[in-house]
Protein backbone atom coordinates (compact mmCIF):
# COMPACT_ATOMS: atom_id res chain seq x y z
CA MET A 1 90.48 61.77 70.55
CA LYS A 2 93.07 58.47 71.06
CA ARG A 3 92.62 54.82 70.54
CA THR A 4 93.12 53.21 74.60
CA GLY A 5 95.57 51.42 72.80
CA GLU A 6 97.94 54.39 72.91
CA MET A 7 98.71 53.10 76.23
CA PRO A 8 100.89 50.55 77.97
CA ARG A 9 98.39 48.05 79.57
CA GLU A 10 100.55 48.66 82.95
CA ILE A 11 98.65 52.19 83.18
CA TRP A 12 95.57 50.45 82.80
CA VAL A 13 96.14 48.23 85.69
CA LEU A 14 97.84 51.39 87.97
CA VAL A 15 94.31 52.93 86.72
CA ALA A 16 91.85 49.91 88.15
CA ALA A 17 94.00 49.41 91.48
CA ALA A 18 93.44 53.26 91.52
CA LEU A 19 89.62 53.02 91.36
CA ALA A 20 89.58 50.21 93.79
CA VAL A 21 91.63 52.53 96.50
CA ALA A 22 89.72 55.15 95.88
CA LEU A 23 86.30 53.85 96.18
CA GLY A 24 86.99 52.63 99.27
CA TYR A 25 88.83 56.23 100.55
CA GLY A 26 86.25 58.00 98.79
CA ILE A 27 83.07 56.09 101.53
CA VAL A 28 85.39 56.75 104.70
CA ALA A 29 86.63 60.47 104.34
CA PRO A 30 83.48 62.23 104.74
CA ILE A 31 83.36 60.06 108.09
CA ILE A 32 86.37 60.54 109.43
CA PRO A 33 86.24 64.03 111.16
CA GLN A 34 82.94 62.94 112.12
CA PHE A 35 84.39 60.25 114.01
CA ALA A 36 86.78 62.20 115.54
CA ARG A 37 83.80 64.63 116.78
CA SER A 38 81.96 61.92 118.02
CA PHE A 39 85.18 61.78 120.86
CA ASP A 40 84.45 65.11 122.08
CA VAL A 41 87.02 66.88 120.55
CA SER A 42 87.57 70.16 118.76
CA VAL A 43 87.04 71.37 115.10
CA MET A 44 90.87 71.72 114.90
CA ALA A 45 91.30 68.50 116.77
CA ALA A 46 89.07 66.78 114.09
CA SER A 47 91.35 68.45 111.68
CA ALA A 48 93.84 67.01 112.86
CA LEU A 49 93.71 63.90 111.46
CA THR A 50 94.18 64.50 108.29
CA SER A 51 97.50 66.47 109.16
CA VAL A 52 99.28 63.76 111.14
CA PHE A 53 98.12 61.56 108.02
CA ALA A 54 99.82 64.07 106.10
CA GLY A 55 102.55 64.55 108.83
CA MET A 56 103.77 61.00 108.17
CA ARG A 57 103.85 61.13 104.60
CA LEU A 58 105.83 63.61 104.94
CA VAL A 59 108.50 62.19 107.70
CA PHE A 60 108.38 58.95 105.80
CA ALA A 61 108.83 60.35 101.70
CA THR A 62 112.63 60.36 102.49
CA PRO A 63 112.92 57.42 104.04
CA GLY A 64 110.34 55.90 102.07
CA GLY A 65 111.83 56.78 98.16
CA LYS A 66 115.25 54.77 99.27
CA LEU A 67 113.30 51.49 100.11
CA ILE A 68 111.25 51.88 96.41
CA ASP A 69 115.29 52.47 95.23
CA MET A 70 115.85 49.50 97.18
CA PHE A 71 113.16 46.97 96.48
CA GLY A 72 111.15 48.59 93.58
CA GLU A 73 108.67 49.97 93.23
CA ARG A 74 105.97 47.24 92.56
CA LYS A 75 106.94 45.54 95.57
CA MET A 76 106.95 48.94 98.00
CA TYR A 77 103.30 49.66 96.07
CA MET A 78 101.85 46.08 97.73
CA THR A 79 103.54 46.94 100.91
CA GLY A 80 101.96 50.58 101.14
CA LEU A 81 98.49 48.85 100.68
CA LEU A 82 99.16 46.51 103.41
CA ILE A 83 100.27 49.08 105.83
CA VAL A 84 97.12 51.31 104.93
CA ALA A 85 94.39 48.60 105.13
CA LEU A 86 95.96 47.60 108.24
CA SER A 87 95.80 50.52 109.91
CA SER A 88 91.73 51.58 108.45
CA ALA A 89 90.74 48.16 109.83
CA ALA A 90 92.41 48.86 113.16
CA SER A 91 90.99 52.07 113.02
CA GLY A 92 87.00 50.66 113.36
CA PHE A 93 87.91 49.25 116.25
CA ALA A 94 89.71 52.65 117.85
CA GLN A 95 88.25 53.24 121.26
CA SER A 96 89.50 56.82 121.94
CA TYR A 97 90.86 59.86 119.63
CA SER A 98 93.95 58.56 121.03
CA GLN A 99 94.00 55.71 118.97
CA LEU A 100 92.72 57.12 116.21
CA LEU A 101 95.25 59.36 115.78
CA VAL A 102 98.17 57.13 116.05
CA LEU A 103 96.27 54.51 113.59
CA ARG A 104 95.68 57.47 110.80
CA GLY A 105 99.94 58.67 111.03
CA ILE A 106 100.22 54.59 110.81
CA GLY A 107 98.23 54.84 107.82
CA GLY A 108 100.36 58.01 106.59
CA ILE A 109 103.16 55.67 106.83
CA GLY A 110 101.82 53.31 103.93
CA SER A 111 100.30 55.81 102.07
CA ILE A 112 103.39 57.43 100.91
CA VAL A 113 105.21 54.46 99.74
CA PHE A 114 102.18 53.28 97.58
CA SER A 115 101.69 56.46 96.24
CA VAL A 116 105.25 57.58 95.51
CA SER A 117 105.70 54.03 93.53
CA ALA A 118 102.12 54.49 91.86
CA MET A 119 103.61 58.16 90.31
CA SER A 120 107.76 56.97 89.43
CA LEU A 121 105.36 53.92 87.83
CA ILE A 122 102.97 56.31 86.45
CA ILE A 123 106.20 58.57 85.04
CA LYS A 124 108.34 55.48 83.95
CA LEU A 125 105.59 53.50 82.28
CA SER A 126 104.28 56.72 80.34
CA PRO A 127 104.76 57.41 76.60
CA PRO A 128 106.22 60.95 76.62
CA GLY A 129 103.40 62.71 74.42
CA GLN A 130 100.69 61.06 76.99
CA ARG A 131 102.19 61.75 80.14
CA GLY A 132 99.34 64.44 80.99
CA ARG A 133 96.98 61.76 79.56
CA ALA A 134 98.32 59.12 81.48
CA SER A 135 98.48 61.19 84.95
CA SER A 136 94.21 62.29 84.36
CA LEU A 137 93.54 58.79 83.31
CA TYR A 138 95.52 57.27 87.19
CA GLY A 139 93.22 60.60 88.74
CA SER A 140 90.18 59.89 86.68
CA ALA A 141 90.12 56.86 88.69
CA PHE A 142 90.17 58.35 92.17
CA LEU A 143 87.80 60.99 91.14
CA LEU A 144 85.41 58.44 90.10
CA GLY A 145 86.16 56.42 93.68
CA ASN A 146 85.33 59.73 94.93
CA ILE A 147 82.54 60.16 93.30
CA LEU A 148 80.65 57.20 94.09
CA GLY A 149 82.39 56.41 97.45
CA PRO A 150 80.56 59.65 99.51
CA SER A 151 76.68 58.15 97.84
CA LEU A 152 77.97 55.04 99.24
CA GLY A 153 79.10 56.05 102.36
CA SER A 154 75.38 57.70 103.04
CA LEU A 155 73.66 54.98 102.11
CA LEU A 156 76.19 52.64 104.89
CA ALA A 157 75.38 55.55 107.77
CA VAL A 158 72.66 53.85 109.00
CA TRP A 159 74.85 51.21 109.93
CA GLY A 160 77.24 53.55 112.16
CA MET A 161 80.68 55.39 111.28
CA ARG A 162 82.65 52.45 112.05
CA LEU A 163 82.07 50.57 108.50
CA PRO A 164 83.50 52.21 106.74
CA PHE A 165 87.26 51.65 107.64
CA PHE A 166 86.60 48.15 107.41
CA ILE A 167 85.68 48.80 103.97
CA TYR A 168 88.31 50.41 103.07
CA ALA A 169 90.21 48.15 104.38
CA GLY A 170 88.78 45.69 102.02
CA THR A 171 89.08 47.66 99.05
CA LEU A 172 92.78 48.45 100.02
CA MET A 173 92.93 44.53 99.80
CA VAL A 174 91.50 44.40 95.71
CA SER A 175 94.12 46.75 95.17
CA PHE A 176 96.78 44.94 96.45
CA VAL A 177 95.85 41.39 95.10
CA VAL A 178 94.53 43.56 91.04
CA ILE A 179 98.54 44.76 91.74
CA LEU A 180 99.89 40.84 92.72
CA ILE A 181 98.42 39.13 89.49
CA TRP A 182 98.19 41.80 87.16
CA LEU A 183 101.47 44.41 87.16
CA PRO A 184 104.73 42.63 86.88
CA GLU A 185 107.91 43.42 87.88
CA PRO A 186 109.04 46.59 86.09
CA ASP A 187 111.98 46.18 83.75
CA ARG A 188 114.99 48.46 85.68
CA THR A 189 116.93 48.21 82.69
CA HIS A 190 117.18 51.36 80.37
CA ASP A 191 118.49 52.11 76.86
CA ALA A 192 122.34 52.70 76.62
CA ASP A 193 121.63 56.72 77.51
CA ASP A 194 119.57 55.46 80.40
CA VAL A 195 122.26 54.11 82.04
CA ALA A 196 124.56 56.91 81.26
CA ALA A 197 122.32 59.11 82.90
CA GLU A 198 122.61 59.86 86.68
CA PRO A 199 119.21 59.78 88.32
CA MET A 200 118.64 63.65 88.82
CA THR A 201 119.22 65.34 92.34
CA VAL A 202 116.35 67.71 94.21
CA ARG A 203 118.96 70.50 93.91
CA GLU A 204 119.20 70.32 89.73
CA ALA A 205 115.70 69.89 89.29
CA VAL A 206 114.84 73.53 92.06
CA SER A 207 117.04 75.38 89.44
CA SER A 208 113.97 74.41 86.78
CA PRO A 209 111.65 77.40 87.37
CA THR A 210 108.77 74.72 85.78
CA TYR A 211 109.55 72.57 89.11
CA ARG A 212 109.36 75.15 91.58
CA ALA A 213 106.33 76.80 90.06
CA VAL A 214 104.69 72.95 90.65
CA LEU A 215 105.99 72.44 94.22
CA VAL A 216 104.50 75.98 95.12
CA THR A 217 101.58 74.54 93.09
CA GLY A 218 101.54 71.08 94.79
CA PHE A 219 101.48 72.76 98.29
CA SER A 220 98.48 75.07 97.36
CA HIS A 221 95.97 72.16 95.38
CA ALA A 222 96.95 70.23 98.98
CA TRP A 223 96.15 72.94 101.46
CA THR A 224 93.10 73.34 99.92
CA ASN A 225 91.82 71.01 97.09
CA MET A 226 93.26 67.92 98.89
CA GLY A 227 92.83 68.56 102.95
CA VAL A 228 90.82 71.77 103.67
CA ARG A 229 87.88 71.43 101.69
CA LEU A 230 87.71 67.77 102.67
CA THR A 231 87.55 68.46 106.21
CA MET A 232 86.12 71.33 106.56
CA ILE A 233 82.78 70.85 104.43
CA PRO A 234 81.43 67.74 106.42
CA LEU A 235 81.78 70.46 109.23
CA ALA A 236 81.29 73.17 108.06
CA THR A 237 77.35 71.99 106.81
CA GLY A 238 76.83 69.60 109.57
CA VAL A 239 77.46 71.06 112.36
CA ALA A 240 77.63 75.56 111.49
CA MET A 241 75.05 75.49 108.78
CA GLY A 242 72.73 72.68 110.44
CA TYR A 243 71.91 71.00 106.96
CA GLY A 244 71.80 67.21 106.77
CA GLU A 245 73.92 64.96 106.13
CA TRP A 246 72.92 64.60 102.82
CA VAL A 247 74.07 68.60 102.20
CA SER A 248 77.88 67.29 102.51
CA GLY A 249 77.81 64.13 100.79
CA ALA A 250 76.11 66.03 97.44
CA ALA A 251 78.53 68.81 97.49
CA LEU A 252 81.91 66.45 97.79
CA THR A 253 80.58 64.02 95.05
CA ALA A 254 79.64 67.47 93.16
CA GLY A 255 83.01 68.74 93.43
CA ALA A 256 84.60 64.65 93.09
CA LEU A 257 82.07 65.51 89.64
CA GLY A 258 83.47 68.40 88.67
CA THR A 259 86.92 67.12 88.61
CA ALA A 260 86.43 64.22 87.19
CA LEU A 261 84.68 65.74 83.76
CA ALA A 262 87.60 68.18 84.06
CA LEU A 263 89.91 65.65 83.80
CA LEU A 264 88.43 64.23 80.47
CA VAL A 265 90.54 67.28 78.75
CA ALA A 266 93.02 68.58 81.28
CA GLY A 267 96.16 65.79 80.40
CA SER A 268 95.73 65.93 76.49
CA TRP A 269 95.42 70.37 76.96
CA SER A 270 98.38 70.19 79.09
CA ASP A 271 100.26 67.88 76.49
CA ARG A 272 99.40 70.59 73.93
CA TYR A 273 99.42 73.12 74.95
CA GLY A 274 101.44 73.14 78.15
CA ARG A 275 101.25 72.44 81.46
CA MET A 276 101.03 76.68 82.40
CA ARG A 277 98.18 77.00 80.29
CA VAL A 278 95.70 74.77 81.82
CA ILE A 279 97.79 74.76 85.50
CA VAL A 280 96.80 79.17 85.88
CA PRO A 281 92.83 78.75 85.21
CA GLY A 282 92.39 75.74 87.35
CA LEU A 283 93.96 77.91 90.42
CA VAL A 284 92.07 80.67 89.90
CA LEU A 285 88.61 79.33 89.24
CA SER A 286 89.21 76.83 92.06
CA GLY A 287 90.57 79.34 94.57
CA ALA A 288 87.63 82.26 94.16
CA MET A 289 84.88 79.37 94.20
CA THR A 290 86.53 78.13 97.33
CA MET A 291 86.87 81.65 98.72
CA ILE A 292 82.96 82.04 98.15
CA PHE A 293 81.76 78.74 100.18
CA GLY A 294 81.99 79.51 103.56
CA ASN A 295 79.37 82.86 103.15
CA LEU A 296 76.62 80.56 101.23
CA ASP A 297 73.48 79.55 102.74
CA ASN A 298 70.97 78.03 100.26
CA PRO A 299 72.56 74.06 99.80
CA ALA A 300 71.13 74.07 96.33
CA ILE A 301 74.00 76.83 95.60
CA LEU A 302 76.60 75.30 97.87
CA VAL A 303 76.65 72.07 95.96
CA ALA A 304 77.00 74.34 92.87
CA VAL A 305 79.89 75.98 93.53
CA ALA A 306 81.59 72.59 94.92
CA PHE A 307 80.81 71.43 91.61
CA VAL A 308 83.20 74.56 89.89
CA THR A 309 85.38 73.99 92.20
CA GLY A 310 86.03 70.90 91.47
CA LEU A 311 86.12 71.39 87.59
CA GLY A 312 88.91 73.67 88.63
CA ALA A 313 90.50 71.78 90.84
CA GLY A 314 90.91 68.93 88.00
CA LEU A 315 92.93 71.35 85.34
CA ILE A 316 95.39 71.32 88.31
CA GLN A 317 96.57 67.90 88.62
CA PRO A 318 97.77 66.19 85.52
CA GLY A 319 99.88 69.92 84.73
CA GLU A 320 101.36 68.71 87.87
CA GLN A 321 102.20 65.26 87.40
CA GLY A 322 102.85 65.30 83.90
CA ALA A 323 105.66 69.05 84.45
CA VAL A 324 106.95 66.64 86.79
CA ALA A 325 107.94 63.67 84.14
CA ASP A 326 109.02 66.85 82.20
CA VAL A 327 111.34 67.81 84.59
CA LEU A 328 113.35 64.50 84.36
CA ASP A 329 113.16 63.99 81.23
CA GLY A 330 113.29 60.04 81.22
CA ARG A 331 116.30 60.29 83.89
CA ALA A 332 115.42 58.45 87.31
CA GLY A 333 114.63 61.22 89.90
CA GLY A 334 112.84 59.18 93.10
CA LYS A 335 113.75 62.67 95.18
CA VAL A 336 112.74 64.42 93.12
CA VAL A 337 108.97 62.38 93.16
CA SER A 338 109.35 62.36 96.57
CA THR A 339 109.93 66.23 96.99
CA PHE A 340 106.83 66.80 94.89
CA GLN A 341 105.01 64.94 97.32
CA MET A 342 106.24 65.97 100.29
CA ALA A 343 105.53 69.52 99.42
CA GLY A 344 102.03 68.71 98.94
CA ASP A 345 101.87 66.92 102.08
CA LEU A 346 103.84 69.93 103.82
CA GLY A 347 100.30 71.67 102.63
CA GLN A 348 98.08 68.92 103.56
CA ILE A 349 99.24 69.09 106.93
CA ILE A 350 99.45 73.74 107.40
CA GLY A 351 95.77 73.46 105.45
CA PRO A 352 93.25 71.86 107.74
CA LEU A 353 94.72 73.00 110.92
CA LEU A 354 95.33 76.46 110.39
CA ALA A 355 91.31 76.16 109.01
CA GLY A 356 90.83 74.33 111.81
CA PHE A 357 92.34 76.96 114.46
CA ILE A 358 90.34 79.64 111.96
CA ALA A 359 86.91 78.23 111.86
CA ASP A 360 87.10 77.64 116.23
CA ARG A 361 87.78 81.35 116.20
CA LEU A 362 86.25 83.22 113.24
CA GLY A 363 84.29 81.21 111.56
CA TYR A 364 84.28 78.73 108.51
CA SER A 365 83.55 82.20 106.30
CA TYR A 366 87.10 83.30 107.05
CA ALA A 367 88.74 79.73 106.76
CA PHE A 368 87.46 79.10 103.43
CA ALA A 369 88.10 82.50 101.58
CA LEU A 370 92.34 82.03 103.16
CA SER A 371 92.03 79.04 101.66
CA GLY A 372 91.29 79.90 98.55
CA ALA A 373 93.64 82.88 98.55
CA ILE A 374 96.74 80.23 98.89
CA LEU A 375 95.28 79.09 95.44
CA ILE A 376 95.31 81.97 93.63
CA LEU A 377 98.52 83.06 95.00
CA ALA A 378 100.48 80.22 93.76
CA VAL A 379 99.46 81.48 90.22
CA ILE A 380 102.92 84.30 90.74
CA ALA A 381 105.23 81.20 90.62
CA TRP A 382 104.41 80.68 87.27
CA ILE A 383 105.37 83.79 85.81
CA PRO A 384 109.01 82.88 86.14
CA ALA A 385 108.10 79.33 84.26
CA ARG A 386 106.00 81.05 81.14
CA THR A 387 109.05 80.36 79.25
CA ASP A 388 109.20 76.95 79.38
CA SER A 389 106.10 75.39 80.43
CA TYR A 390 103.83 77.32 77.69
CA ARG A 391 104.66 74.32 75.04
CA GLY A 392 103.50 71.19 75.07
CA TYR A 393 105.97 67.98 75.80
CA ARG A 394 105.62 66.39 72.99
CA ARG A 395 108.99 64.25 71.57
CA ASP A 396 107.50 61.75 69.13
């Protein structure tokens, strides 16, 4: 096991900030679709809250990237946190579905700003041979929050569905303070070779089969593991299957726990063995488990399958971000990073909407089956990338 001192201090500050954000999001995420349904809207309309959030992230990705280039990652990270915090607090006061929809969209703007800023900082500050592990640490912080959050949210449910939005705003402000105090503005100067190198364009990045595979994977992973699962599990277990709220919370918690356990090894494995050898099994495992989820009628088995699905999802994330860093190979490339984020946001827009549409007309089992198939089909994109993604990317 590597010593934690090998990671720059700034990485640990980003991890701490991520934990604060994720804890609040974990508390509010299971509530969002149910809160929307309290305004007497359809499943598809409830799913649209996830899609509009992702949609605004998609629309604002390019201008957000330009602002990051102009003002720096740290400043824009804090700006994004403030936008999401204010929109979350306002959501707690929403009196109609339309108000909630607008506020979720505003939150999406802040989200893309701070998430692209954070990923750019992780890429910039991570040692080349530790990119996967740095991504795992950052992702683990989010997953730890998602493990603890739903459990805390279930305990807070007795106080209504509005309180979690205020708690989320509070945890975002904690993250803001962490960044303000402990993360200095990164040095924007580099060595002579870095100065000479032009920022990588998206066209140049797309010429890499690894980057193309990462875009497809990001789209599929966001569609199913970040969009459909978070949106549909509370609705499927609570509405269609008739289970108590504890089943929804337990399934989401089990999925997050499985992902967190996978992240303990996925980052170092992807650094050592190559991105493809870790990502592809994750796609197959999480896809297969998602396909059968909607056909389960036993709460214990349902929670167990959610756990295994999370294991597969945890194998995907570090390799994705590590592969983007590998393609950049030390060069600047804010648009390359934001395009990767946009691929995920596009999946997170289409996935919940289409799954909600299918659930309304055919049932939840069909919605989960399609979402799982999307992950498995993403494996095809890695076939051309096998020649430059089998090896690890240690450059020390």
